[in-house]
Amino acid sequence: MRHAVEGLAKRKYLEMFRNRADFVIMFVPSEACLSASFQHDPDLFEFAFQKRVLVVGPVTLFGLLKAVAVGWQQYQMVQNAKQIAEQGKEIYDRLNVFLDHLSKVGKNLEQEVQSYNNSIGSLESRLMPAARKLQELGSFEKQLPSLPSIHHHLREAPLPDLLPGKPEEPPGPSGAERRE
């Protein structure tokens, strides 16, 4: 057995891998033979361990393979968790940029509505009185149409606390208030 351990250690299997393994596995296909070897040479396990060779029988190999499988599963779960975290960060960053753009669109819309309403106010207070006087003086057959002002309020972004440097604002109007 010691001769087989030394032969495995000399082959330098561990150096063949980029991510080096800790041990080379030496499989003994019979638990009875393995037990007899350890009884005959009580220091065999320690000798093999120092040479970075792990001597195993069928039962030990099964347990070792099961442990390796669990290790791979946990490694895959960690890798998946890292990918999920990276994707989550990317989505969060993209959402942050989108909400910033959407906030700017909302502010611009609000300014445009205000400008429209100011124009309607100017029309009603400045131009329409003069147009009515002209209509009274002349024979205009067609009536001037009236233009409505816009009274809609813009909804708040659903996640204002995600925007950088913006304090959390109270939520937008409720469903009943939005329908008005």
N, C-alpha and C. Protein backbone atom coordinates (compact mmCIF):
# COMPACT_ATOMS: atom_id res chain seq x y z
N MET A 1 0.82 -1.19 0.00
CA MET A 1 0.00 0.00 0.00
C MET A 1 0.86 1.26 0.00
N ARG A 2 1.90 1.26 0.84
CA ARG A 2 2.78 2.44 0.87
C ARG A 2 3.40 2.67 -0.51
N HIS A 3 3.73 1.59 -1.19
CA HIS A 3 4.32 1.70 -2.52
C HIS A 3 3.32 2.37 -3.49
N ALA A 4 2.05 1.99 -3.42
CA ALA A 4 1.03 2.60 -4.28
C ALA A 4 0.83 4.07 -3.93
N VAL A 5 0.87 4.41 -2.64
CA VAL A 5 0.75 5.81 -2.20
C VAL A 5 1.91 6.62 -2.76
N GLU A 6 3.12 6.10 -2.64
CA GLU A 6 4.30 6.83 -3.15
C GLU A 6 4.22 7.00 -4.66
N GLY A 7 3.74 5.96 -5.36
CA GLY A 7 3.60 6.06 -6.81
C GLY A 7 2.62 7.16 -7.22
N LEU A 8 1.51 7.28 -6.51
CA LEU A 8 0.54 8.34 -6.80
C LEU A 8 1.12 9.72 -6.48
N ALA A 9 1.84 9.82 -5.38
CA ALA A 9 2.41 11.11 -4.98
C ALA A 9 3.45 11.58 -5.99
N LYS A 10 4.22 10.65 -6.56
CA LYS A 10 5.28 11.01 -7.51
C LYS A 10 4.71 11.48 -8.85
N ARG A 11 3.52 11.08 -9.18
CA ARG A 11 2.94 11.45 -10.48
C ARG A 11 2.52 12.92 -10.55
N LYS A 12 2.48 13.57 -9.45
CA LYS A 12 2.18 15.01 -9.36
C LYS A 12 0.85 15.36 -10.03
N TYR A 13 -0.16 14.55 -9.77
CA TYR A 13 -1.49 14.82 -10.31
C TYR A 13 -2.02 16.18 -9.86
N LEU A 14 -1.68 16.55 -8.64
CA LEU A 14 -2.21 17.81 -8.09
C LEU A 14 -1.74 19.03 -8.87
N GLU A 15 -0.58 18.94 -9.49
CA GLU A 15 -0.03 20.09 -10.22
C GLU A 15 -0.64 20.24 -11.62
N MET A 16 -1.42 19.26 -12.05
CA MET A 16 -2.02 19.31 -13.38
C MET A 16 -3.19 20.29 -13.46
N PHE A 17 -3.75 20.64 -12.35
CA PHE A 17 -4.95 21.46 -12.33
C PHE A 17 -4.62 22.91 -12.01
N ARG A 18 -5.31 23.79 -12.69
CA ARG A 18 -5.11 25.23 -12.46
C ARG A 18 -5.49 25.56 -11.01
N ASN A 19 -6.69 25.17 -10.61
CA ASN A 19 -7.11 25.33 -9.22
C ASN A 19 -6.78 24.02 -8.52
N ARG A 20 -5.65 24.00 -7.88
CA ARG A 20 -5.12 22.75 -7.34
C ARG A 20 -6.06 22.11 -6.33
N ALA A 21 -6.12 20.79 -6.42
CA ALA A 21 -6.88 20.01 -5.46
C ALA A 21 -6.02 19.79 -4.22
N ASP A 22 -6.68 19.45 -3.12
CA ASP A 22 -5.93 19.24 -1.88
C ASP A 22 -5.33 17.84 -1.79
N PHE A 23 -6.01 16.86 -2.40
CA PHE A 23 -5.56 15.48 -2.29
C PHE A 23 -5.80 14.73 -3.59
N VAL A 24 -5.01 13.66 -3.76
CA VAL A 24 -5.27 12.65 -4.79
C VAL A 24 -5.99 11.52 -4.06
N ILE A 25 -7.03 10.99 -4.68
CA ILE A 25 -7.79 9.90 -4.07
C ILE A 25 -7.22 8.57 -4.54
N MET A 26 -6.89 7.72 -3.58
CA MET A 26 -6.45 6.36 -3.90
C MET A 26 -7.59 5.43 -3.47
N PHE A 27 -8.25 4.84 -4.46
CA PHE A 27 -9.41 4.00 -4.19
C PHE A 27 -9.00 2.55 -4.02
N VAL A 28 -9.41 1.97 -2.91
CA VAL A 28 -9.22 0.54 -2.65
C VAL A 28 -10.61 -0.08 -2.75
N PRO A 29 -10.85 -0.98 -3.73
CA PRO A 29 -12.21 -1.44 -4.01
C PRO A 29 -12.84 -2.35 -2.96
N SER A 30 -12.14 -2.70 -1.92
CA SER A 30 -12.70 -3.59 -0.91
C SER A 30 -12.48 -2.99 0.48
N GLU A 31 -13.57 -2.85 1.23
CA GLU A 31 -13.47 -2.32 2.59
C GLU A 31 -12.64 -3.27 3.46
N ALA A 32 -12.77 -4.58 3.20
CA ALA A 32 -12.02 -5.56 4.00
C ALA A 32 -10.52 -5.41 3.75
N CYS A 33 -10.12 -5.21 2.49
CA CYS A 33 -8.69 -5.02 2.17
C CYS A 33 -8.18 -3.73 2.79
N LEU A 34 -8.97 -2.69 2.74
CA LEU A 34 -8.57 -1.40 3.30
C LEU A 34 -8.40 -1.52 4.81
N SER A 35 -9.36 -2.17 5.46
CA SER A 35 -9.29 -2.35 6.92
C SER A 35 -8.07 -3.19 7.30
N ALA A 36 -7.80 -4.24 6.53
CA ALA A 36 -6.63 -5.09 6.81
C ALA A 36 -5.34 -4.30 6.62
N SER A 37 -5.29 -3.41 5.63
CA SER A 37 -4.09 -2.59 5.39
C SER A 37 -3.85 -1.65 6.56
N PHE A 38 -4.91 -1.05 7.09
CA PHE A 38 -4.76 -0.12 8.22
C PHE A 38 -4.39 -0.88 9.50
N GLN A 39 -4.86 -2.13 9.65
CA GLN A 39 -4.48 -2.92 10.82
C GLN A 39 -3.02 -3.36 10.72
N HIS A 40 -2.61 -3.72 9.52
CA HIS A 40 -1.23 -4.17 9.31
C HIS A 40 -0.25 -3.00 9.44
N ASP A 41 -0.65 -1.81 8.95
CA ASP A 41 0.22 -0.62 8.97
C ASP A 41 -0.58 0.55 9.57
N PRO A 42 -0.60 0.68 10.91
CA PRO A 42 -1.41 1.71 11.55
C PRO A 42 -1.04 3.15 11.13
N ASP A 43 0.17 3.37 10.67
CA ASP A 43 0.59 4.72 10.27
C ASP A 43 0.32 4.99 8.78
N LEU A 44 -0.32 4.06 8.09
CA LEU A 44 -0.55 4.21 6.65
C LEU A 44 -1.37 5.46 6.32
N PHE A 45 -2.42 5.69 7.09
CA PHE A 45 -3.26 6.85 6.81
C PHE A 45 -2.46 8.15 6.96
N GLU A 46 -1.69 8.27 8.03
CA GLU A 46 -0.88 9.48 8.26
C GLU A 46 0.19 9.61 7.19
N PHE A 47 0.82 8.50 6.81
CA PHE A 47 1.85 8.52 5.76
C PHE A 47 1.25 9.04 4.45
N ALA A 48 0.08 8.49 4.08
CA ALA A 48 -0.58 8.90 2.83
C ALA A 48 -1.02 10.36 2.92
N PHE A 49 -1.51 10.75 4.07
CA PHE A 49 -1.98 12.12 4.26
C PHE A 49 -0.84 13.12 4.07
N GLN A 50 0.33 12.80 4.58
CA GLN A 50 1.49 13.69 4.41
C GLN A 50 1.90 13.79 2.94
N LYS A 51 1.64 12.75 2.17
CA LYS A 51 1.96 12.75 0.74
C LYS A 51 0.80 13.34 -0.08
N ARG A 52 -0.22 13.79 0.63
CA ARG A 52 -1.42 14.38 0.02
C ARG A 52 -2.17 13.35 -0.83
N VAL A 53 -2.23 12.14 -0.32
CA VAL A 53 -2.99 11.05 -0.93
C VAL A 53 -4.02 10.61 0.10
N LEU A 54 -5.27 10.54 -0.30
CA LEU A 54 -6.34 10.12 0.60
C LEU A 54 -6.75 8.70 0.20
N VAL A 55 -6.51 7.75 1.08
CA VAL A 55 -6.83 6.34 0.83
C VAL A 55 -8.27 6.09 1.26
N VAL A 56 -9.11 5.63 0.31
CA VAL A 56 -10.53 5.44 0.62
C VAL A 56 -11.02 4.11 0.08
N GLY A 57 -12.04 3.58 0.76
CA GLY A 57 -12.74 2.39 0.30
C GLY A 57 -14.07 2.80 -0.31
N PRO A 58 -14.92 1.83 -0.68
CA PRO A 58 -16.19 2.15 -1.33
C PRO A 58 -17.11 3.04 -0.48
N VAL A 59 -17.21 2.76 0.81
CA VAL A 59 -18.10 3.55 1.67
C VAL A 59 -17.56 4.97 1.81
N THR A 60 -16.27 5.10 2.06
CA THR A 60 -15.67 6.42 2.22
C THR A 60 -15.73 7.20 0.91
N LEU A 61 -15.51 6.51 -0.21
CA LEU A 61 -15.57 7.18 -1.51
C LEU A 61 -16.98 7.73 -1.76
N PHE A 62 -17.99 6.92 -1.43
CA PHE A 62 -19.36 7.38 -1.61
C PHE A 62 -19.62 8.64 -0.78
N GLY A 63 -19.21 8.63 0.47
CA GLY A 63 -19.38 9.81 1.33
C GLY A 63 -18.61 11.00 0.80
N LEU A 64 -17.40 10.75 0.32
CA LEU A 64 -16.57 11.83 -0.23
C LEU A 64 -17.21 12.43 -1.48
N LEU A 65 -17.70 11.55 -2.37
CA LEU A 65 -18.36 12.04 -3.58
C LEU A 65 -19.63 12.83 -3.25
N LYS A 66 -20.36 12.37 -2.24
CA LYS A 66 -21.56 13.08 -1.81
C LYS A 66 -21.18 14.47 -1.28
N ALA A 67 -20.10 14.54 -0.49
CA ALA A 67 -19.64 15.83 0.04
C ALA A 67 -19.19 16.76 -1.08
N VAL A 68 -18.51 16.20 -2.08
CA VAL A 68 -18.08 17.01 -3.23
C VAL A 68 -19.31 17.53 -3.99
N ALA A 69 -20.32 16.66 -4.16
CA ALA A 69 -21.54 17.08 -4.86
C ALA A 69 -22.23 18.22 -4.11
N VAL A 70 -22.32 18.10 -2.80
CA VAL A 70 -22.92 19.17 -2.00
C VAL A 70 -22.09 20.44 -2.11
N GLY A 71 -20.77 20.29 -2.10
CA GLY A 71 -19.89 21.45 -2.27
C GLY A 71 -20.11 22.15 -3.60
N TRP A 72 -20.24 21.36 -4.67
CA TRP A 72 -20.50 21.95 -5.99
C TRP A 72 -21.85 22.64 -6.03
N GLN A 73 -22.86 22.02 -5.41
CA GLN A 73 -24.18 22.65 -5.37
C GLN A 73 -24.11 23.99 -4.64
N GLN A 74 -23.40 24.01 -3.52
CA GLN A 74 -23.29 25.26 -2.77
C GLN A 74 -22.48 26.29 -3.56
N TYR A 75 -21.46 25.84 -4.25
CA TYR A 75 -20.67 26.75 -5.09
C TYR A 75 -21.56 27.35 -6.17
N GLN A 76 -22.39 26.51 -6.81
CA GLN A 76 -23.30 27.00 -7.85
C GLN A 76 -24.31 27.97 -7.26
N MET A 77 -24.81 27.68 -6.06
CA MET A 77 -25.76 28.60 -5.42
C MET A 77 -25.10 29.94 -5.14
N VAL A 78 -23.86 29.92 -4.69
CA VAL A 78 -23.14 31.17 -4.42
C VAL A 78 -22.94 31.93 -5.73
N GLN A 79 -22.57 31.22 -6.79
CA GLN A 79 -22.39 31.88 -8.09
C GLN A 79 -23.70 32.48 -8.58
N ASN A 80 -24.80 31.72 -8.43
CA ASN A 80 -26.11 32.24 -8.83
C ASN A 80 -26.49 33.45 -7.99
N ALA A 81 -26.22 33.38 -6.70
CA ALA A 81 -26.54 34.52 -5.83
C ALA A 81 -25.74 35.75 -6.24
N LYS A 82 -24.48 35.55 -6.61
CA LYS A 82 -23.67 36.68 -7.08
C LYS A 82 -24.25 37.27 -8.36
N GLN A 83 -24.65 36.40 -9.29
CA GLN A 83 -25.24 36.88 -10.54
C GLN A 83 -26.55 37.61 -10.29
N ILE A 84 -27.36 37.07 -9.38
CA ILE A 84 -28.62 37.73 -9.04
C ILE A 84 -28.34 39.10 -8.43
N ALA A 85 -27.35 39.17 -7.54
CA ALA A 85 -27.00 40.45 -6.93
C ALA A 85 -26.51 41.44 -7.98
N GLU A 86 -25.69 40.97 -8.92
CA GLU A 86 -25.19 41.86 -9.98
C GLU A 86 -26.34 42.33 -10.87
N GLN A 87 -27.23 41.40 -11.24
CA GLN A 87 -28.38 41.78 -12.06
C GLN A 87 -29.29 42.74 -11.31
N GLY A 88 -29.49 42.47 -10.03
CA GLY A 88 -30.31 43.36 -9.21
C GLY A 88 -29.73 44.76 -9.15
N LYS A 89 -28.42 44.86 -8.98
CA LYS A 89 -27.77 46.17 -8.94
C LYS A 89 -27.91 46.87 -10.28
N GLU A 90 -27.74 46.12 -11.36
CA GLU A 90 -27.86 46.72 -12.69
C GLU A 90 -29.29 47.21 -12.94
N ILE A 91 -30.27 46.41 -12.57
CA ILE A 91 -31.67 46.83 -12.73
C ILE A 91 -31.95 48.05 -11.86
N TYR A 92 -31.46 48.03 -10.63
CA TYR A 92 -31.66 49.16 -9.73
C TYR A 92 -31.04 50.43 -10.31
N ASP A 93 -29.82 50.32 -10.82
CA ASP A 93 -29.16 51.49 -11.42
C ASP A 93 -29.93 51.99 -12.64
N ARG A 94 -30.40 51.07 -13.47
CA ARG A 94 -31.17 51.46 -14.66
C ARG A 94 -32.50 52.11 -14.26
N LEU A 95 -33.15 51.54 -13.24
CA LEU A 95 -34.40 52.11 -12.75
C LEU A 95 -34.17 53.51 -12.21
N ASN A 96 -33.06 53.69 -11.52
CA ASN A 96 -32.71 55.00 -10.98
C ASN A 96 -32.57 56.02 -12.10
N VAL A 97 -31.86 55.66 -13.17
CA VAL A 97 -31.68 56.57 -14.31
C VAL A 97 -33.04 56.84 -14.97
N PHE A 98 -33.83 55.78 -15.17
CA PHE A 98 -35.14 55.95 -15.79
C PHE A 98 -36.03 56.87 -14.97
N LEU A 99 -36.05 56.67 -13.65
CA LEU A 99 -36.89 57.51 -12.80
C LEU A 99 -36.42 58.96 -12.82
N ASP A 100 -35.13 59.17 -12.93
CA ASP A 100 -34.61 60.53 -13.04
C ASP A 100 -35.12 61.17 -14.34
N HIS A 101 -35.05 60.43 -15.45
CA HIS A 101 -35.57 60.94 -16.73
C HIS A 101 -37.08 61.19 -16.63
N LEU A 102 -37.78 60.25 -16.04
CA LEU A 102 -39.23 60.39 -15.91
C LEU A 102 -39.60 61.59 -15.05
N SER A 103 -38.83 61.83 -14.01
CA SER A 103 -39.05 63.00 -13.16
C SER A 103 -38.89 64.29 -13.96
N LYS A 104 -37.86 64.32 -14.81
CA LYS A 104 -37.64 65.50 -15.66
C LYS A 104 -38.79 65.69 -16.64
N VAL A 105 -39.27 64.58 -17.22
CA VAL A 105 -40.41 64.66 -18.14
C VAL A 105 -41.63 65.22 -17.40
N GLY A 106 -41.86 64.74 -16.19
CA GLY A 106 -42.99 65.22 -15.39
C GLY A 106 -42.89 66.71 -15.11
N LYS A 107 -41.69 67.16 -14.74
CA LYS A 107 -41.51 68.60 -14.48
C LYS A 107 -41.75 69.41 -15.75
N ASN A 108 -41.24 68.92 -16.88
CA ASN A 108 -41.45 69.63 -18.15
C ASN A 108 -42.94 69.66 -18.53
N LEU A 109 -43.62 68.54 -18.33
CA LEU A 109 -45.06 68.51 -18.61
C LEU A 109 -45.80 69.51 -17.73
N GLU A 110 -45.43 69.54 -16.48
CA GLU A 110 -46.06 70.47 -15.55
C GLU A 110 -45.83 71.92 -16.01
N GLN A 111 -44.62 72.22 -16.45
CA GLN A 111 -44.32 73.57 -16.95
C GLN A 111 -45.12 73.87 -18.22
N GLU A 112 -45.25 72.88 -19.10
CA GLU A 112 -46.01 73.08 -20.33
C GLU A 112 -47.49 73.31 -20.03
N VAL A 113 -48.04 72.56 -19.10
CA VAL A 113 -49.44 72.76 -18.71
C VAL A 113 -49.62 74.15 -18.12
N GLN A 114 -48.67 74.56 -17.28
CA GLN A 114 -48.74 75.90 -16.69
C GLN A 114 -48.65 76.97 -17.78
N SER A 115 -47.76 76.78 -18.74
CA SER A 115 -47.64 77.74 -19.86
C SER A 115 -48.92 77.78 -20.68
N TYR A 116 -49.52 76.62 -20.92
CA TYR A 116 -50.78 76.56 -21.67
C TYR A 116 -51.87 77.31 -20.91
N ASN A 117 -51.98 77.03 -19.61
CA ASN A 117 -53.01 77.71 -18.81
C ASN A 117 -52.76 79.21 -18.75
N ASN A 118 -51.50 79.63 -18.67
CA ASN A 118 -51.18 81.07 -18.69
C ASN A 118 -51.60 81.68 -20.03
N SER A 119 -51.38 80.95 -21.11
CA SER A 119 -51.79 81.44 -22.44
C SER A 119 -53.30 81.58 -22.52
N ILE A 120 -54.03 80.62 -21.98
CA ILE A 120 -55.49 80.69 -21.96
C ILE A 120 -55.94 81.90 -21.13
N GLY A 121 -55.27 82.11 -20.01
CA GLY A 121 -55.60 83.27 -19.17
C GLY A 121 -55.36 84.57 -19.92
N SER A 122 -54.26 84.67 -20.63
CA SER A 122 -53.96 85.87 -21.41
C SER A 122 -54.98 86.03 -22.53
N LEU A 123 -55.35 84.93 -23.16
CA LEU A 123 -56.37 84.98 -24.22
C LEU A 123 -57.68 85.51 -23.66
N GLU A 124 -58.10 84.98 -22.53
CA GLU A 124 -59.38 85.38 -21.94
C GLU A 124 -59.37 86.82 -21.45
N SER A 125 -58.25 87.27 -20.86
CA SER A 125 -58.23 88.61 -20.27
C SER A 125 -57.80 89.70 -21.24
N ARG A 126 -57.02 89.37 -22.27
CA ARG A 126 -56.48 90.40 -23.16
C ARG A 126 -57.05 90.36 -24.57
N LEU A 127 -57.03 89.20 -25.17
CA LEU A 127 -57.43 89.12 -26.58
C LEU A 127 -58.94 89.00 -26.78
N MET A 128 -59.60 88.18 -25.99
CA MET A 128 -61.03 87.94 -26.19
C MET A 128 -61.87 89.20 -25.99
N PRO A 129 -61.58 90.05 -24.99
CA PRO A 129 -62.37 91.28 -24.88
C PRO A 129 -62.24 92.16 -26.14
N ALA A 130 -61.04 92.25 -26.69
CA ALA A 130 -60.85 93.05 -27.91
C ALA A 130 -61.56 92.39 -29.09
N ALA A 131 -61.54 91.07 -29.17
CA ALA A 131 -62.20 90.35 -30.26
C ALA A 131 -63.72 90.52 -30.16
N ARG A 132 -64.26 90.53 -28.94
CA ARG A 132 -65.71 90.71 -28.76
C ARG A 132 -66.13 92.11 -29.22
N LYS A 133 -65.29 93.12 -28.92
CA LYS A 133 -65.58 94.48 -29.37
C LYS A 133 -65.59 94.55 -30.89
N LEU A 134 -64.62 93.87 -31.52
CA LEU A 134 -64.59 93.83 -32.98
C LEU A 134 -65.85 93.15 -33.53
N GLN A 135 -66.26 92.10 -32.87
CA GLN A 135 -67.45 91.38 -33.32
C GLN A 135 -68.69 92.27 -33.20
N GLU A 136 -68.77 93.06 -32.14
CA GLU A 136 -69.91 93.96 -31.97
C GLU A 136 -69.91 95.05 -33.04
N LEU A 137 -68.72 95.52 -33.42
CA LEU A 137 -68.61 96.58 -34.41
C LEU A 137 -68.80 96.07 -35.84
N GLY A 138 -68.38 94.87 -36.11
CA GLY A 138 -68.44 94.35 -37.47
C GLY A 138 -69.43 93.23 -37.58
N SER A 139 -69.49 92.68 -38.75
CA SER A 139 -70.42 91.58 -38.97
C SER A 139 -69.64 90.29 -39.17
N PHE A 140 -69.20 89.76 -38.09
CA PHE A 140 -68.49 88.47 -38.14
C PHE A 140 -69.50 87.37 -37.95
N GLU A 141 -69.58 86.49 -38.91
CA GLU A 141 -70.58 85.42 -38.85
C GLU A 141 -70.13 84.27 -37.94
N LYS A 142 -68.89 84.00 -37.96
CA LYS A 142 -68.37 82.84 -37.22
C LYS A 142 -67.96 83.24 -35.81
N GLN A 143 -68.42 82.46 -34.84
CA GLN A 143 -68.05 82.71 -33.45
C GLN A 143 -66.64 82.15 -33.21
N LEU A 144 -65.90 82.81 -32.35
CA LEU A 144 -64.58 82.29 -31.98
C LEU A 144 -64.76 81.12 -31.01
N PRO A 145 -64.02 80.03 -31.22
CA PRO A 145 -64.17 78.89 -30.30
C PRO A 145 -63.52 79.20 -28.95
N SER A 146 -64.01 78.55 -27.94
CA SER A 146 -63.37 78.70 -26.62
C SER A 146 -62.40 77.53 -26.42
N LEU A 147 -61.35 77.81 -25.70
CA LEU A 147 -60.34 76.77 -25.43
C LEU A 147 -60.37 76.45 -23.94
N PRO A 148 -60.39 75.20 -23.60
CA PRO A 148 -60.44 74.85 -22.18
C PRO A 148 -59.05 74.95 -21.54
N SER A 149 -59.04 75.24 -20.26
CA SER A 149 -57.76 75.15 -19.54
C SER A 149 -57.61 73.71 -19.05
N ILE A 150 -56.40 73.34 -18.76
CA ILE A 150 -56.11 71.96 -18.34
C ILE A 150 -55.97 71.95 -16.82
N HIS A 151 -56.75 71.08 -16.17
CA HIS A 151 -56.74 71.03 -14.71
C HIS A 151 -56.22 69.69 -14.18
N HIS A 152 -55.60 68.91 -15.01
CA HIS A 152 -55.10 67.60 -14.57
C HIS A 152 -53.79 67.76 -13.82
N HIS A 153 -53.65 66.97 -12.76
CA HIS A 153 -52.41 66.97 -12.00
C HIS A 153 -51.60 65.75 -12.41
N LEU A 154 -50.30 65.90 -12.48
CA LEU A 154 -49.43 64.78 -12.82
C LEU A 154 -49.28 63.87 -11.62
N ARG A 155 -49.25 62.57 -11.88
CA ARG A 155 -49.04 61.61 -10.80
C ARG A 155 -47.58 61.61 -10.40
N GLU A 156 -47.33 61.38 -9.13
CA GLU A 156 -45.96 61.28 -8.63
C GLU A 156 -45.36 59.95 -9.07
N ALA A 157 -44.05 59.93 -9.26
CA ALA A 157 -43.36 58.67 -9.56
C ALA A 157 -43.56 57.74 -8.37
N PRO A 158 -43.76 56.44 -8.61
CA PRO A 158 -44.06 55.53 -7.51
C PRO A 158 -42.90 55.30 -6.54
N LEU A 159 -41.67 55.56 -6.97
CA LEU A 159 -40.52 55.28 -6.12
C LEU A 159 -39.61 56.51 -6.02
N PRO A 160 -40.08 57.63 -5.51
CA PRO A 160 -39.24 58.83 -5.51
C PRO A 160 -37.99 58.69 -4.65
N ASP A 161 -38.00 57.77 -3.67
CA ASP A 161 -36.84 57.64 -2.80
C ASP A 161 -35.66 56.98 -3.50
N LEU A 162 -35.84 56.44 -4.70
CA LEU A 162 -34.74 55.83 -5.43
C LEU A 162 -33.91 56.85 -6.19
N LEU A 163 -34.46 58.03 -6.40
CA LEU A 163 -33.72 59.04 -7.15
C LEU A 163 -32.59 59.58 -6.30
N PRO A 164 -31.39 59.73 -6.87
CA PRO A 164 -30.26 60.18 -6.07
C PRO A 164 -30.47 61.61 -5.57
N GLY A 165 -30.22 61.80 -4.26
CA GLY A 165 -30.26 63.13 -3.69
C GLY A 165 -31.65 63.71 -3.54
N LYS A 166 -32.69 62.91 -3.68
CA LYS A 166 -34.05 63.42 -3.57
C LYS A 166 -34.67 62.86 -2.30
N PRO A 167 -35.25 63.71 -1.47
CA PRO A 167 -35.90 63.21 -0.25
C PRO A 167 -37.17 62.46 -0.61
N GLU A 168 -37.58 61.58 0.28
CA GLU A 168 -38.81 60.84 0.03
C GLU A 168 -39.98 61.80 0.11
N GLU A 169 -40.85 61.73 -0.89
CA GLU A 169 -42.01 62.61 -0.96
C GLU A 169 -43.24 61.80 -0.59
N PRO A 170 -44.31 62.49 -0.16
CA PRO A 170 -45.53 61.74 0.15
C PRO A 170 -46.09 61.11 -1.11
N PRO A 171 -46.82 60.00 -0.97
CA PRO A 171 -47.36 59.33 -2.15
C PRO A 171 -48.32 60.23 -2.90
N GLY A 172 -48.52 59.91 -4.19
CA GLY A 172 -49.39 60.68 -5.06
C GLY A 172 -50.84 60.53 -4.64
N PRO A 173 -51.75 61.14 -5.40
CA PRO A 173 -53.17 61.09 -5.05
C PRO A 173 -53.71 59.67 -5.10
N SER A 174 -54.75 59.43 -4.31
CA SER A 174 -55.37 58.10 -4.28
C SER A 174 -56.13 57.88 -5.58
N GLY A 175 -56.64 56.68 -5.77
CA GLY A 175 -57.36 56.35 -6.99
C GLY A 175 -58.55 57.27 -7.23
N ALA A 176 -59.31 57.62 -6.16
CA ALA A 176 -60.47 58.49 -6.32
C ALA A 176 -60.04 59.89 -6.75
N GLU A 177 -58.95 60.39 -6.20
CA GLU A 177 -58.48 61.73 -6.55
C GLU A 177 -57.96 61.78 -7.97
N ARG A 178 -57.39 60.67 -8.48
CA ARG A 178 -56.84 60.64 -9.83
C ARG A 178 -57.94 60.70 -10.88
N ARG A 179 -59.12 60.19 -10.58
CA ARG A 179 -60.20 60.14 -11.57
C ARG A 179 -60.87 61.49 -11.78
N GLU A 180 -60.64 62.44 -10.91
CA GLU A 180 -61.29 63.75 -11.03
C GLU A 180 -60.84 64.49 -12.24
